[in-house]
Protein backbone atom coordinates (compact mmCIF):
# COMPACT_ATOMS: atom_id res chain seq x y z
CA UNK A 1 0.00 0.00 0.00
CA UNK A 2 1.06 3.62 -0.39
CA UNK A 3 3.03 5.15 2.42
CA UNK A 4 1.11 8.15 3.73
CA UNK A 5 4.05 10.36 4.63
CA UNK A 6 4.88 12.01 1.32
CA UNK A 7 4.88 15.80 1.06
CA UNK A 8 1.84 17.16 -0.73
CA UNK A 9 4.07 19.15 -3.08
CA UNK A 10 4.54 16.14 -5.35
CA UNK A 11 2.04 16.09 -8.19
CA UNK A 12 1.99 13.71 -11.11
CA UNK A 13 2.84 15.48 -14.35
CA UNK A 14 0.92 13.89 -17.22
CA UNK A 15 1.22 16.36 -20.10
CA UNK A 16 3.07 14.26 -22.67
CA UNK A 17 3.07 15.15 -26.35
CA UNK A 18 2.38 12.32 -28.78
CA UNK A 19 5.96 12.25 -30.06
CA UNK A 20 7.58 12.12 -26.66
CA UNK A 21 8.49 8.80 -25.10
CA UNK A 22 5.92 7.40 -22.69
CA UNK A 23 6.74 6.41 -19.13
CA UNK A 24 8.25 2.91 -18.77
CA UNK A 25 5.86 0.13 -17.81
CA UNK A 26 7.87 -3.10 -17.68
CA UNK A 27 8.88 -4.80 -14.44
CA UNK A 28 10.06 -8.29 -13.52
CA UNK A 29 11.21 -10.17 -10.42
CA UNK A 30 14.63 -11.65 -9.77
CA UNK A 31 14.43 -14.57 -7.36
CA UNK A 32 17.42 -16.90 -7.58
CA UNK A 33 18.17 -17.11 -3.85
CA UNK A 34 16.68 -15.97 -0.54
CA UNK A 35 15.78 -12.52 -1.90
CA UNK A 36 12.88 -11.76 -4.21
CA UNK A 37 13.29 -8.31 -5.74
CA UNK A 38 11.44 -6.29 -8.38
CA UNK A 39 13.56 -4.84 -11.20
CA UNK A 40 12.21 -1.94 -13.26
CA UNK A 41 13.47 -0.11 -16.34
CA UNK A 42 12.74 3.49 -15.36
CA UNK A 43 15.66 4.28 -13.07
CA UNK A 44 13.86 2.95 -9.99
CA UNK A 45 14.13 -0.40 -8.23
CA UNK A 46 12.49 -2.77 -5.74
CA UNK A 47 8.90 -1.49 -5.78
CA UNK A 48 5.59 -2.15 -7.50
CA UNK A 49 4.69 1.49 -6.65
CA UNK A 50 2.33 0.33 -3.87
CA UNK A 51 4.47 -1.99 -1.75
CA UNK A 52 8.04 -2.96 -1.00
CA UNK A 53 9.34 -5.54 -3.44
CA UNK A 54 12.70 -6.30 -1.87
CA UNK A 55 11.61 -9.27 0.19
CA UNK A 56 13.84 -11.65 2.15
CA UNK A 57 12.69 -15.27 2.50
CA UNK A 58 9.28 -14.74 0.84
CA UNK A 59 6.44 -17.07 1.76
CA UNK A 60 3.79 -17.71 -0.89
CA UNK A 61 0.24 -16.66 -0.14
CA UNK A 62 0.96 -14.17 2.65
CA UNK A 63 1.91 -10.49 2.88
CA UNK A 64 5.68 -10.54 3.31
CA UNK A 65 7.60 -7.70 4.95
CA UNK A 66 10.30 -6.08 2.83
CA UNK A 67 13.49 -4.24 3.68
CA UNK A 68 13.55 -1.66 0.86
CA UNK A 69 10.43 0.21 -0.21
CA UNK A 70 12.04 1.82 -3.27
CA UNK A 71 15.39 2.91 -4.67
CA UNK A 72 16.49 5.01 -7.60
CA UNK A 73 19.38 6.39 -9.61
CA UNK A 74 20.19 10.10 -9.20
CA UNK A 75 22.49 12.06 -11.51
CA UNK A 76 23.58 15.71 -11.42
CA UNK A 77 26.23 17.98 -12.94
CA UNK A 78 27.01 21.34 -14.57
CA UNK A 79 27.58 22.14 -18.23
CA UNK A 80 30.37 24.62 -19.27
CA UNK A 81 27.98 27.56 -18.89
CA UNK A 82 27.11 26.52 -15.34
CA UNK A 83 23.65 25.21 -16.23
CA UNK A 84 22.47 22.36 -14.02
CA UNK A 85 21.62 18.94 -15.48
CA UNK A 86 19.68 16.47 -13.34
CA UNK A 87 17.93 13.13 -13.72
CA UNK A 88 16.36 11.05 -10.96
CA UNK A 89 13.77 8.47 -9.98
CA UNK A 90 12.15 7.78 -6.59
CA UNK A 91 8.44 7.28 -5.75
CA UNK A 92 7.07 6.83 -9.24
CA UNK A 93 3.43 6.77 -8.14
CA UNK A 94 3.75 10.37 -6.93
CA UNK A 95 5.93 11.98 -9.60
CA UNK A 96 6.74 9.56 -12.41
CA UNK A 97 10.37 9.30 -13.47
CA UNK A 98 12.90 11.37 -15.41
CA UNK A 99 13.95 8.29 -17.41
CA UNK A 100 12.55 6.64 -20.54
CA UNK A 101 13.42 3.27 -22.03
CA UNK A 102 15.88 2.40 -24.77
CA UNK A 103 19.39 3.29 -25.90
CA UNK A 104 20.43 6.63 -27.37
CA UNK A 105 22.12 7.30 -30.66
CA UNK A 106 25.75 8.40 -30.56
CA UNK A 107 24.57 12.03 -30.67
CA UNK A 108 22.23 11.51 -27.70
CA UNK A 109 18.84 11.18 -29.40
CA UNK A 110 15.94 8.75 -29.40
CA UNK A 111 12.32 8.62 -30.56
CA UNK A 112 9.02 7.26 -29.30
CA UNK A 113 9.23 4.08 -31.42
CA UNK A 114 12.65 3.24 -30.03
CA UNK A 115 11.41 3.84 -26.48
CA UNK A 116 8.35 1.64 -27.02
CA UNK A 117 10.42 -1.19 -28.50
CA UNK A 118 12.75 -1.25 -25.52
CA UNK A 119 10.09 -1.05 -22.80
CA UNK A 120 11.04 -4.54 -21.61
CA UNK A 121 13.53 -6.34 -19.40
CA UNK A 122 15.62 -9.26 -20.60
CA UNK A 123 16.03 -12.16 -18.20
CA UNK A 124 18.04 -15.37 -18.44
CA UNK A 125 18.60 -18.13 -15.89
CA UNK A 126 21.88 -19.86 -15.29
CA UNK A 127 20.19 -23.23 -15.71
CA UNK A 128 19.19 -22.21 -19.23
CA UNK A 129 22.77 -21.21 -20.06
CA UNK A 130 24.13 -24.50 -18.72
CA UNK A 131 21.58 -26.57 -20.67
CA UNK A 132 22.25 -24.56 -23.82
CA UNK A 133 26.02 -25.01 -23.66
CA UNK A 134 25.61 -28.73 -23.07
CA UNK A 135 23.31 -28.95 -26.11
CA UNK A 136 25.68 -27.26 -28.57
CA UNK A 137 25.93 -27.42 -31.50
CA UNK A 138 22.45 -26.69 -32.83
CA UNK A 139 20.75 -24.90 -35.70
CA UNK A 140 19.44 -21.31 -35.61
CA UNK A 141 15.88 -22.65 -35.66
CA UNK A 142 16.62 -24.85 -32.66
CA UNK A 143 18.14 -22.12 -30.50
CA UNK A 144 15.31 -19.70 -31.33
CA UNK A 145 12.65 -22.25 -30.37
CA UNK A 146 14.39 -23.96 -27.45
CA UNK A 147 16.41 -21.11 -25.88
CA UNK A 148 14.69 -17.81 -26.80
CA UNK A 149 16.18 -15.92 -23.83
CA UNK A 150 19.68 -16.77 -25.10
CA UNK A 151 18.86 -16.33 -28.78
CA UNK A 152 17.22 -12.97 -28.00
CA UNK A 153 19.88 -11.62 -25.63
CA UNK A 154 20.34 -7.95 -26.72
CA UNK A 155 24.10 -8.12 -27.17
CA UNK A 156 26.01 -6.45 -29.97
CA UNK A 157 25.88 -8.29 -33.29
CA UNK A 158 23.23 -10.84 -32.26
CA UNK A 159 21.91 -12.21 -35.59
CA UNK A 160 18.82 -13.78 -33.97
CA UNK A 161 17.53 -10.80 -31.98
CA UNK A 162 15.13 -9.52 -34.64
CA UNK A 163 13.58 -12.98 -35.00
CA UNK A 164 12.62 -12.93 -31.32
CA UNK A 165 11.53 -9.30 -30.84
CA UNK A 166 10.68 -7.99 -34.30
CA UNK A 167 13.01 -4.98 -34.29
CA UNK A 168 16.71 -4.52 -34.93
CA UNK A 169 19.51 -3.81 -32.52
CA UNK A 170 21.19 -0.39 -32.92
CA UNK A 171 23.57 -0.27 -35.85
CA UNK A 172 25.99 2.16 -34.20
CA UNK A 173 28.35 -0.52 -32.90
CA UNK A 174 27.73 0.49 -29.27
CA UNK A 175 27.98 -2.16 -26.59
CA UNK A 176 24.71 -3.44 -25.18
CA UNK A 177 23.97 -6.41 -22.90
CA UNK A 178 27.14 -8.08 -21.56
CA UNK A 179 28.15 -11.57 -22.68
CA UNK A 180 30.95 -14.10 -22.51
CA UNK A 181 32.67 -13.87 -25.90
CA UNK A 182 33.89 -17.42 -26.40
CA UNK A 183 35.35 -16.87 -29.88
CA UNK A 184 36.62 -13.38 -28.95
CA UNK A 185 35.37 -11.72 -32.13
CA UNK A 186 33.53 -8.91 -30.30
CA UNK A 187 30.10 -10.02 -31.57
CA UNK A 188 27.45 -12.09 -29.84
CA UNK A 189 26.62 -15.35 -31.56
CA UNK A 190 25.52 -18.10 -29.17
CA UNK A 191 25.96 -20.80 -31.82
CA UNK A 192 29.68 -20.07 -31.57
CA UNK A 193 29.73 -20.64 -27.82
CA UNK A 194 28.88 -17.10 -26.64
CA UNK A 195 26.37 -16.76 -23.78
CA UNK A 196 24.81 -14.05 -21.57
CA UNK A 197 26.99 -13.02 -18.65
CA UNK A 198 27.57 -10.22 -16.17
CA UNK A 199 30.25 -7.73 -17.15
CA UNK A 200 31.47 -5.14 -14.66
CA UNK A 201 34.50 -2.96 -15.19
CA UNK A 202 37.92 -4.39 -14.32
CA UNK A 203 36.48 -7.89 -13.87
CA UNK A 204 36.06 -11.01 -15.96
CA UNK A 205 32.70 -11.76 -17.54
CA UNK A 206 30.88 -14.33 -15.43
CA UNK A 207 27.56 -16.19 -15.40
CA UNK A 208 25.07 -16.06 -12.54
CA UNK A 209 21.99 -17.96 -11.43
CA UNK A 210 19.77 -15.19 -12.80
CA UNK A 211 20.64 -12.13 -14.87
CA UNK A 212 18.31 -9.27 -15.84
CA UNK A 213 19.29 -6.47 -18.22
CA UNK A 214 17.59 -3.33 -19.51
CA UNK A 215 18.53 0.07 -20.96
CA UNK A 216 17.01 3.51 -20.38
CA UNK A 217 17.85 7.16 -20.98
CA UNK A 218 17.05 10.65 -19.70
CA UNK A 219 16.43 12.25 -23.12
CA UNK A 220 13.08 10.63 -23.89
CA UNK A 221 12.59 12.53 -27.15
CA UNK A 222 11.81 15.66 -25.14
CA UNK A 223 9.75 14.05 -22.37
CA UNK A 224 9.74 16.36 -19.33
CA UNK A 225 11.68 15.52 -16.20
CA UNK A 226 8.68 15.19 -13.93
CA UNK A 227 10.81 14.33 -10.87
CA UNK A 228 13.53 16.97 -10.79
CA UNK A 229 12.11 19.44 -13.30
CA UNK A 230 15.68 19.62 -14.64
CA UNK A 231 17.34 19.39 -18.02
CA UNK A 232 18.66 16.10 -19.49
CA UNK A 233 22.37 15.44 -19.96
CA UNK A 234 21.66 13.30 -22.27
CA UNK A 235 22.57 10.02 -20.56
CA UNK A 236 22.13 6.36 -21.46
CA UNK A 237 22.04 3.87 -18.58
CA UNK A 238 22.44 0.13 -18.97
CA UNK A 239 21.29 -1.76 -15.89
CA UNK A 240 22.34 -5.32 -15.05
CA UNK A 241 20.90 -7.11 -12.01
CA UNK A 242 22.06 -10.55 -10.95
CA UNK A 243 21.99 -13.09 -8.14
CA UNK A 244 23.75 -16.31 -7.18
CA UNK A 245 22.06 -19.37 -5.72
CA UNK A 246 24.68 -20.42 -3.15
CA UNK A 247 23.07 -21.99 -0.06
CA UNK A 248 26.52 -22.70 1.38
CA UNK A 249 27.47 -19.00 1.37
CA UNK A 250 24.74 -17.14 3.34
CA UNK A 251 26.00 -13.64 2.56
CA UNK A 252 25.86 -14.38 -1.19
CA UNK A 253 22.47 -16.06 -0.87
CA UNK A 254 21.04 -12.97 0.83
CA UNK A 255 22.29 -10.48 -1.76
CA UNK A 256 21.06 -8.95 -5.02
CA UNK A 257 23.68 -7.19 -7.15
CA UNK A 258 23.14 -4.31 -9.57
CA UNK A 259 25.36 -2.46 -12.01
CA UNK A 260 24.41 0.87 -13.58
CA UNK A 261 26.59 1.48 -16.63
CA UNK A 262 26.27 5.23 -17.28
CA UNK A 263 27.14 6.46 -20.80
CA UNK A 264 27.29 10.20 -21.42
CA UNK A 265 26.02 10.99 -24.95
CA UNK A 266 26.32 14.78 -24.73
CA UNK A 267 28.64 17.02 -26.73
CA UNK A 268 30.05 19.18 -23.91
CA UNK A 269 31.94 18.20 -20.75
CA UNK A 270 30.02 18.03 -17.49
CA UNK A 271 31.69 19.45 -14.39
CA UNK A 272 31.14 18.46 -10.74
CA UNK A 273 29.27 15.32 -11.75
CA UNK A 274 27.59 13.20 -9.07
CA UNK A 275 26.02 9.78 -9.51
CA UNK A 276 24.21 8.33 -6.54
CA UNK A 277 21.65 5.92 -5.20
CA UNK A 278 18.58 7.15 -3.38
CA UNK A 279 17.27 4.40 -1.09
CA UNK A 280 14.17 4.26 1.08
CA UNK A 281 15.13 1.40 3.40
CA UNK A 282 12.05 0.31 5.31
CA UNK A 283 12.66 -2.71 7.54
CA UNK A 284 9.05 -3.82 7.53
CA UNK A 285 7.50 -0.79 9.20
CA UNK A 286 8.61 2.49 7.66
CA UNK A 287 8.38 4.53 10.85
CA UNK A 288 10.99 3.05 13.21
CA UNK A 289 14.24 2.64 11.25
CA UNK A 290 17.59 4.31 11.76
CA UNK A 291 20.18 4.98 9.05
CA UNK A 292 23.96 5.10 9.02
CA UNK A 293 27.03 4.56 6.89
CA UNK A 294 30.58 3.23 6.89
CA UNK A 295 32.54 5.40 4.43
CA UNK A 296 35.59 3.11 4.55
CA UNK A 297 33.42 0.31 3.16
CA UNK A 298 31.38 2.48 0.75
CA UNK A 299 28.34 1.20 2.62
CA UNK A 300 25.07 2.64 3.89
CA UNK A 301 22.77 0.70 6.19
CA UNK A 302 19.47 0.61 8.06
CA UNK A 303 18.67 -0.98 11.43
CA UNK A 304 15.61 -0.97 13.66
CA UNK A 305 15.10 1.83 16.18
CA UNK A 306 14.04 -0.57 18.92
CA UNK A 307 13.74 -4.29 19.60
CA UNK A 308 10.35 -4.75 17.92
CA UNK A 309 9.48 -3.80 14.33
CA UNK A 310 6.35 -1.65 14.31
CA UNK A 311 4.66 1.21 16.06
CA UNK A 312 2.22 -0.44 18.48
CA UNK A 313 2.45 -4.17 19.13
CA UNK A 314 4.22 -4.83 15.82
CA UNK A 315 1.53 -3.05 13.78
CA UNK A 316 2.26 -0.44 11.10
CA UNK A 317 -0.86 0.90 9.40
CA UNK A 318 -1.48 -2.45 7.73
CA UNK A 319 2.08 -2.87 6.43
CA UNK A 320 3.68 -6.30 7.16
CA UNK A 321 6.36 -6.20 9.87
CA UNK A 322 9.19 -8.41 11.10
CA UNK A 323 7.74 -8.43 14.65
CA UNK A 324 10.54 -9.06 17.17
CA UNK A 325 13.21 -10.09 14.64
CA UNK A 326 13.93 -7.14 12.34
CA UNK A 327 16.96 -7.59 10.05
CA UNK A 328 19.67 -5.14 9.03
CA UNK A 329 19.88 -3.94 5.42
CA UNK A 330 23.17 -2.83 3.83
CA UNK A 331 23.91 -1.29 0.45
CA UNK A 332 27.58 -1.63 -0.45
CA UNK A 333 28.51 0.53 -3.45
CA UNK A 334 31.57 -0.52 -5.41
CA UNK A 335 31.75 1.86 -8.34
CA UNK A 336 34.78 1.09 -10.47
CA UNK A 337 37.27 3.64 -11.79
CA UNK A 338 36.96 6.56 -12.23
CA UNK A 339 34.72 6.31 -9.16
CA UNK A 340 36.93 5.31 -6.25
CA UNK A 341 35.06 5.74 -2.97
CA UNK A 342 31.82 6.99 -1.54
CA UNK A 343 31.94 10.79 -1.58
CA UNK A 344 28.77 11.85 0.28
CA UNK A 345 26.08 10.28 2.44
CA UNK A 346 22.89 12.02 3.51
CA UNK A 347 20.16 10.64 5.79
CA UNK A 348 16.95 12.67 5.56
CA UNK A 349 13.58 12.72 7.30
CA UNK A 350 10.87 12.93 4.65
CA UNK A 351 8.79 15.40 6.68
CA UNK A 352 11.65 17.74 7.57
CA UNK A 353 11.41 21.30 6.20
CA UNK A 354 14.79 20.63 4.62
CA UNK A 355 13.92 17.03 3.73
CA UNK A 356 12.48 15.85 0.43
CA UNK A 357 13.59 17.81 -2.66
CA UNK A 358 11.21 19.36 -5.18
CA UNK A 359 13.56 21.38 -7.43
CA UNK A 360 16.47 20.28 -9.58
CA UNK A 361 18.98 22.22 -7.48
CA UNK A 362 17.63 20.58 -4.32
CA UNK A 363 18.34 17.14 -5.76
CA UNK A 364 21.83 18.29 -6.64
CA UNK A 365 22.37 19.68 -3.14
CA UNK A 366 21.55 16.31 -1.59
CA UNK A 367 23.83 14.53 -4.07
CA UNK A 368 26.65 16.94 -3.24
CA UNK A 369 26.29 16.67 0.54
CA UNK A 370 24.15 19.57 1.72
CA UNK A 371 20.54 20.02 2.79
CA UNK A 372 17.87 21.11 0.33
CA UNK A 373 18.07 24.71 1.57
CA UNK A 374 21.82 24.80 0.86
CA UNK A 375 22.95 24.44 4.47
CA UNK A 376 25.98 22.13 4.63
CA UNK A 377 25.84 18.85 6.48
CA UNK A 378 27.60 19.23 9.83
CA UNK A 379 28.96 16.71 12.30
CA UNK A 380 26.91 15.82 15.37
CA UNK A 381 23.30 16.08 16.45
CA UNK A 382 20.97 15.89 13.49
CA UNK A 383 23.60 17.14 11.02
CA UNK A 384 22.00 20.55 10.58
CA UNK A 385 23.23 23.91 11.80
CA UNK A 386 26.40 22.66 13.48
CA UNK A 387 29.95 24.00 13.32
CA UNK A 388 32.03 21.34 11.60
CA UNK A 389 31.16 20.46 7.97
CA UNK A 390 31.28 16.75 7.13
CA UNK A 391 30.67 14.53 4.11
CA UNK A 392 28.96 11.63 5.86
CA UNK A 393 25.93 11.56 8.13
CA UNK A 394 25.97 9.10 11.04
CA UNK A 395 29.23 7.30 10.18
CA UNK A 396 29.60 5.60 13.57
CA UNK A 397 28.91 2.14 14.97
CA UNK A 398 25.40 2.13 16.50
CA UNK A 399 26.69 -0.15 19.25
CA UNK A 400 29.28 2.42 20.38
CA UNK A 401 27.63 5.10 22.55
CA UNK A 402 30.20 7.82 21.80
CA UNK A 403 30.00 7.44 18.02
CA UNK A 404 27.79 9.78 16.02
CA UNK A 405 24.77 7.64 15.15
CA UNK A 406 21.00 8.00 15.17
CA UNK A 407 21.03 5.93 18.35
CA UNK A 408 23.37 8.29 20.15
CA UNK A 409 21.27 11.29 19.08
CA UNK A 410 18.02 9.56 20.13
CA UNK A 411 16.46 10.38 16.79
CA UNK A 412 12.67 10.42 16.78
CA UNK A 413 10.42 8.00 14.89
CA UNK A 414 10.32 9.15 11.28
CA UNK A 415 10.13 7.87 7.72
CA UNK A 416 13.62 8.36 6.29
CA UNK A 417 15.60 7.89 3.11
CA UNK A 418 19.32 7.86 2.26
CA UNK A 419 21.40 9.24 -0.59
CA UNK A 420 24.91 7.91 -1.20
CA UNK A 421 26.88 9.43 -4.06
CA UNK A 422 30.15 9.29 -5.98
CA UNK A 423 31.89 12.30 -7.47
CA UNK A 424 33.68 12.89 -10.75
CA UNK A 425 35.30 16.27 -11.40
CA UNK A 426 34.71 16.17 -15.16
CA UNK A 427 32.55 13.88 -17.28
CA UNK A 428 33.75 14.04 -20.88
CA UNK A 429 31.61 13.33 -23.97
CA UNK A 430 31.45 9.60 -24.58
CA UNK A 431 32.60 8.79 -21.05
CA UNK A 432 31.42 5.55 -19.49
CA UNK A 433 31.13 5.33 -15.71
CA UNK A 434 29.74 2.54 -13.58
CA UNK A 435 27.92 2.44 -10.27
CA UNK A 436 27.70 -1.08 -8.83
CA UNK A 437 25.99 -2.14 -5.61
CA UNK A 438 25.42 -5.18 -3.41
CA UNK A 439 22.05 -5.11 -1.61
CA UNK A 440 22.24 -7.48 1.38
CA UNK A 441 19.89 -8.55 4.17
CA UNK A 442 21.47 -9.60 7.48
CA UNK A 443 19.35 -11.73 9.82
CA UNK A 444 19.35 -12.56 13.52
CA UNK A 445 20.92 -9.35 14.81
CA UNK A 446 19.67 -8.37 18.26
CA UNK A 447 18.19 -4.88 18.50
CA UNK A 448 18.20 -2.04 19.36
CA UNK A 449 21.30 -0.07 18.31
CA UNK A 450 23.16 -2.99 16.77
CA UNK A 451 24.25 -3.99 13.28
CA UNK A 452 26.04 -7.13 14.48
CA UNK A 453 28.20 -8.82 11.84
CA UNK A 454 26.69 -6.87 8.92
CA UNK A 455 29.92 -5.01 8.11
CA UNK A 456 32.08 -8.13 8.33
CA UNK A 457 29.61 -9.71 5.89
CA UNK A 458 30.16 -6.71 3.62
CA UNK A 459 33.90 -7.41 3.82
CA UNK A 460 33.23 -10.98 2.68
CA UNK A 461 31.24 -9.70 -0.28
CA UNK A 462 34.02 -7.31 -1.25
CA UNK A 463 36.55 -10.15 -1.09
CA UNK A 464 34.42 -12.27 -3.41
CA UNK A 465 34.10 -9.37 -5.84
CA UNK A 466 37.82 -8.56 -5.77
CA UNK A 467 38.69 -12.22 -6.45
CA UNK A 468 36.31 -12.43 -9.44
CA UNK A 469 33.93 -14.61 -7.41
CA UNK A 470 36.52 -17.26 -6.51
CA UNK A 471 34.80 -19.93 -4.44
CA UNK A 472 31.29 -18.82 -5.40
CA UNK A 473 29.15 -21.67 -6.76
CA UNK A 474 29.08 -21.72 -10.56
CA UNK A 475 25.95 -22.31 -12.60
CA UNK A 476 28.17 -24.02 -15.18
CA UNK A 477 29.41 -26.70 -12.79
CA UNK A 478 27.47 -29.38 -14.68
CA UNK A 479 28.86 -28.36 -18.06
CA UNK A 480 32.06 -30.17 -19.09
CA UNK A 481 34.87 -27.61 -18.89
CA UNK A 482 36.81 -26.52 -21.91
CA UNK A 483 40.18 -28.32 -22.08
CA UNK A 484 43.03 -26.49 -20.47
CA UNK A 485 45.58 -27.79 -23.00
CA UNK A 486 46.07 -25.59 -26.05
CA UNK A 487 44.33 -26.59 -29.27
CA UNK A 488 45.76 -25.23 -32.51
CA UNK A 489 44.15 -25.10 -35.95
CA UNK A 490 46.33 -24.10 -38.91
CA UNK A 491 46.36 -22.78 -41.54
CA UNK A 492 43.15 -20.93 -40.93
CA UNK A 493 41.64 -19.83 -43.31
CA UNK A 494 42.48 -22.68 -45.67
CA UNK A 495 41.56 -23.67 -49.20
CA UNK A 496 43.05 -27.15 -48.90
CA UNK A 497 43.90 -28.93 -45.66
CA UNK A 498 44.14 -27.76 -42.08
CA UNK A 499 45.85 -29.44 -39.15
CA UNK A 500 44.02 -29.66 -35.84
CA UNK A 501 46.61 -30.18 -33.10
CA UNK A 502 45.37 -31.09 -29.64
CA UNK A 503 48.58 -32.29 -28.02
CA UNK A 504 47.93 -34.50 -24.98
CA UNK A 505 44.13 -34.41 -24.96
CA UNK A 506 42.35 -37.74 -25.29
CA UNK A 507 40.12 -36.79 -28.23
CA UNK A 508 37.30 -39.24 -29.01
CA UNK A 509 35.48 -37.50 -31.81
CA UNK A 510 35.62 -34.39 -34.01
CA UNK A 511 32.32 -33.06 -35.38
CA UNK A 512 32.21 -30.47 -38.17
CA UNK A 513 29.13 -28.25 -38.53
CA UNK A 514 28.36 -25.65 -41.18
CA UNK A 515 27.22 -22.11 -40.39
CA UNK A 516 23.59 -23.29 -40.18
CA UNK A 517 24.44 -25.84 -37.53
CA UNK A 518 24.20 -28.88 -39.81
CA UNK A 519 26.57 -31.78 -39.23
CA UNK A 520 28.64 -32.18 -42.40
CA UNK A 521 31.42 -34.47 -41.23
CA UNK A 522 32.30 -36.71 -38.28
CA UNK A 523 35.78 -37.97 -37.48
CA UNK A 524 35.61 -40.86 -35.01
CA UNK A 525 38.58 -42.07 -32.99
CA UNK A 526 41.01 -39.56 -34.53
CA UNK A 527 44.77 -39.97 -34.35
CA UNK A 528 46.57 -39.01 -31.14
CA UNK A 529 48.04 -35.52 -31.02
CA UNK A 530 46.62 -34.16 -34.25
CA UNK A 531 44.42 -34.85 -37.22
CA UNK A 532 44.01 -33.40 -40.70
CA UNK A 533 40.81 -31.62 -41.72
CA UNK A 534 40.25 -31.93 -45.47
CA UNK A 535 38.99 -28.51 -46.43
CA UNK A 536 39.03 -29.37 -50.09
CA UNK A 537 35.95 -31.52 -49.44
CA UNK A 538 34.06 -28.59 -47.92
CA UNK A 539 32.30 -25.70 -49.66
CA UNK A 540 33.60 -22.21 -49.01
CA UNK A 541 32.34 -20.74 -45.76
CA UNK A 542 32.49 -20.85 -41.99
CA UNK A 543 32.58 -24.13 -40.04
CA UNK A 544 32.55 -25.06 -36.38
CA UNK A 545 34.75 -27.92 -35.21
CA UNK A 546 33.59 -29.49 -31.96
CA UNK A 547 36.37 -31.49 -30.29
CA UNK A 548 35.01 -34.06 -27.82
CA UNK A 549 37.59 -35.37 -25.38
CA UNK A 550 37.85 -37.09 -22.02
CA UNK A 551 38.79 -33.69 -20.56
CA UNK A 552 35.74 -31.87 -21.96
CA UNK A 553 34.75 -30.25 -25.21
CA UNK A 554 35.96 -27.26 -27.21
CA UNK A 555 34.69 -25.51 -30.31
CA UNK A 556 37.05 -24.04 -32.89
CA UNK A 557 36.15 -21.93 -35.91
CA UNK A 558 37.48 -22.88 -39.38
CA UNK A 559 37.20 -20.73 -42.50
CA UNK A 560 37.38 -22.48 -45.85
CA UNK A 561 38.13 -20.11 -48.72
CA UNK A 562 37.54 -20.70 -52.41
CA UNK A 563 40.09 -22.32 -54.64
């Protein structure tokens, strides 16, 4: 249900000209582990606009309490003339969103048809990827009918995308949905061993138990920014959300990951650029939560104000509560270069006179670490009107009485939200930045004024990320691994014969498929070490050689040229 604590200043703006992009409508759940979360394609997250949709341990058929009511991406910066650019999303039911769906052209434009085509989210499960890889090779007709989520993955160069969705991918050569490029040709073709994957900067591409991808922009073919009232950059944002199903690693199994890939399509540099996450963390009841942060860990968090979740006897105006066992929610932001560390953190009461923003410059003030009236955040008390400016509200340990926390200030019962932001001095045309986050629920932490082992769990997450997920369960564990020994194919291209050398692998069979996936030749029990492929018996074109061995299987590409 709607929370009843929003300022009355927010009015839905509905004047949209026919040629402007309409507001995004698509939404889908990710539920690979203990968390069920709603993913949207309009800059916001984890809400169906009425209720929280970030739900730990959901039980079918009952109203489940959530830990996040809504979240959204906020962007702000200045053009060379000092004009402010802003884009944001928060409570869409009250004010819509500044974002519209679809990619932008290289010069930062879109149209209503493009927006309508891309008003969708693309989802693939790890089990589908594993089954697909085990089934290779296959024909285009087979992959389209049997694995449409893989055949229709919106990655650059995908030749099957239009068959699934009825419209073409952009022809600009821009990167789209991430994928594991098995043949390393820069183009997505699953029949050559490529498959959907998560790709975050400075890390290897990796599969996950569920992956969701979408793309949106703030240009919208002139659609007004109904949230901030500001001017577009223009900016394209590619969102990837993923989760791992790892029952043996609780912190992984209680986490949803997101990556916002932010692509600036404008023609002028942007100064003093901030990218941040606005988060309304409601641990069941929205009226009795405290907020804090740990700047050294790039983490913001919420914990319950007292030992029982709710206002009176665990009730909260009809909203489901956690009763006497409220969890802790953390959001660990790990933006890659050029973002290095969390730059600002604000914790705001929605009903405060200097609380919720309504103008573009007020959004920018919160992103840049001051209150909506321009007063800087100060250390101590409620962070307003003090002597010492600071970048981070409530950075202490709630269990330490002398630290600055909402517990130590005895903050009143309020509905609150947080804004954590990164800073970039200059955003150049064509620049690509990335804002990644781990959204984790931590259970069984005694309240009040305690976040228990939440931050040590955050350290575990960071270690997994830094190690490229070493030790995290793989959805490809049931797929025979590619051989570690080198396999050489030469000469390639060839118009005569080619030698396939596989050294010490125990190869049982070599299958040769044409570009349509048809088996054209089978070599059973080939010679040890190497075998000769007779290209003179093959028509000109591209072929896939599948090498089946005791150690696994590997696909190589062979080009046969004309005589």
